[in-house]
Protein backbone atom coordinates (compact mmCIF):
# COMPACT_ATOMS: atom_id res chain seq x y z
CA UNK A 1 50.45 17.80 -49.67
CA UNK A 2 47.06 19.49 -49.22
CA UNK A 3 45.66 16.20 -47.10
CA UNK A 4 48.41 16.19 -44.52
CA UNK A 5 45.89 19.18 -42.08
CA UNK A 6 43.19 17.10 -42.81
CA UNK A 7 44.70 13.59 -41.85
CA UNK A 8 46.40 14.42 -38.72
CA UNK A 9 43.71 15.33 -36.71
CA UNK A 10 40.98 13.04 -38.12
CA UNK A 11 43.53 9.91 -37.25
CA UNK A 12 43.59 11.43 -34.04
CA UNK A 13 40.11 12.10 -33.56
CA UNK A 14 39.42 8.68 -34.12
CA UNK A 15 41.39 6.61 -32.20
CA UNK A 16 42.10 8.98 -29.30
CA UNK A 17 39.14 11.02 -28.35
CA UNK A 18 36.16 8.20 -27.46
CA UNK A 19 33.65 9.84 -29.25
CA UNK A 20 31.65 6.56 -29.61
CA UNK A 21 31.61 6.51 -25.78
CA UNK A 22 29.99 9.48 -25.83
CA UNK A 23 27.12 9.30 -28.25
CA UNK A 24 24.48 6.93 -27.09
CA UNK A 25 24.25 4.98 -30.62
CA UNK A 26 27.69 3.92 -31.95
CA UNK A 27 26.26 3.65 -35.67
CA UNK A 28 24.93 7.10 -35.60
CA UNK A 29 29.01 8.42 -34.32
CA UNK A 30 30.28 6.02 -37.23
CA UNK A 31 28.46 7.69 -39.97
CA UNK A 32 28.53 11.46 -39.12
CA UNK A 33 32.78 11.01 -38.43
CA UNK A 34 32.77 9.58 -41.98
CA UNK A 35 30.59 11.77 -43.39
CA UNK A 36 32.44 14.81 -41.82
CA UNK A 37 36.28 13.43 -43.08
CA UNK A 38 34.80 12.48 -46.20
CA UNK A 39 33.39 16.00 -46.64
CA UNK A 40 36.37 17.70 -45.69
CA UNK A 41 39.12 15.10 -48.28
CA UNK A 42 36.55 16.34 -50.73
CA UNK A 43 36.80 20.02 -50.15
CA UNK A 44 40.16 19.89 -50.34
CA UNK A 45 41.04 17.65 -53.14
CA UNK A 46 37.43 18.47 -55.23
CA UNK A 47 37.71 14.73 -56.00
CA UNK A 48 34.98 12.72 -54.47
CA UNK A 49 36.14 9.10 -54.86
CA UNK A 50 39.77 10.19 -52.56
CA UNK A 51 36.90 11.96 -50.10
CA UNK A 52 35.01 7.97 -49.65
CA UNK A 53 38.73 6.30 -50.15
CA UNK A 54 40.21 8.19 -47.25
CA UNK A 55 37.24 8.27 -45.01
CA UNK A 56 36.73 4.25 -45.48
CA UNK A 57 39.84 3.48 -44.67
CA UNK A 58 40.35 5.37 -41.60
CA UNK A 59 36.96 3.49 -40.81
CA UNK A 60 38.69 0.22 -41.66
CA UNK A 61 41.63 1.00 -39.96
CA UNK A 62 39.71 2.12 -36.41
CA UNK A 63 38.04 -1.53 -36.56
CA UNK A 64 40.90 -3.04 -36.91
CA UNK A 65 42.07 -1.12 -34.01
CA UNK A 66 39.02 -2.30 -32.17
CA UNK A 67 39.86 -5.98 -33.16
CA UNK A 68 43.53 -5.61 -31.71
CA UNK A 69 42.26 -4.06 -28.96
CA UNK A 70 40.21 -6.57 -27.61
CA UNK A 71 36.75 -5.14 -28.17
CA UNK A 72 36.37 -7.40 -31.94
CA UNK A 73 35.51 -6.13 -35.69
CA UNK A 74 31.88 -5.00 -36.51
CA UNK A 75 31.11 -4.97 -39.85
CA UNK A 76 28.15 -2.88 -38.67
CA UNK A 77 30.09 -0.20 -37.81
CA UNK A 78 31.94 -0.76 -41.34
CA UNK A 79 29.17 -0.06 -43.11
CA UNK A 80 28.20 2.99 -41.38
CA UNK A 81 31.30 4.35 -42.24
CA UNK A 82 30.85 3.63 -45.68
CA UNK A 83 27.56 4.60 -46.08
CA UNK A 84 28.78 8.21 -44.14
CA UNK A 85 31.50 8.50 -46.73
CA UNK A 86 29.62 8.57 -49.37
CA UNK A 87 26.93 10.95 -48.21
CA UNK A 88 29.47 13.29 -46.93
CA UNK A 89 31.54 13.14 -50.08
CA UNK A 90 28.44 13.42 -52.46
CA UNK A 91 26.77 16.12 -50.43
CA UNK A 92 30.13 18.14 -49.93
CA UNK A 93 30.25 17.54 -54.16
CA UNK A 94 26.67 18.76 -54.46
CA UNK A 95 27.18 21.85 -52.60
CA UNK A 96 30.39 22.78 -54.19
CA UNK A 97 28.83 22.59 -57.91
CA UNK A 98 25.89 24.33 -56.07
CA UNK A 99 23.50 21.80 -56.87
CA UNK A 100 21.80 23.17 -53.49
CA UNK A 101 21.10 26.87 -55.15
CA UNK A 102 17.82 28.01 -55.97
CA UNK A 103 17.46 29.75 -58.83
CA UNK A 104 15.09 32.17 -61.01
């Protein structure tokens, strides 16, 4: 499966590294991580819908993990996950299609 190399490291990163504690604004870390994950999946599969779906699902799992861990479920974090997922997938799709290239 083509998602295998991306899925495991992304899940480990979001659940284990605590990157949201190292960055001052938690919403930025959610958005940036989701954009990176969505871009990676979109580039691997060439399907932006799948990229958004996988990235947003990881963010949703992270919020469920936070709920069970005791820090609580946050809809603002989930909204930042969704926004980052969409931006990452569409940006990667545009880059792969050459939409950013200037032509004469």
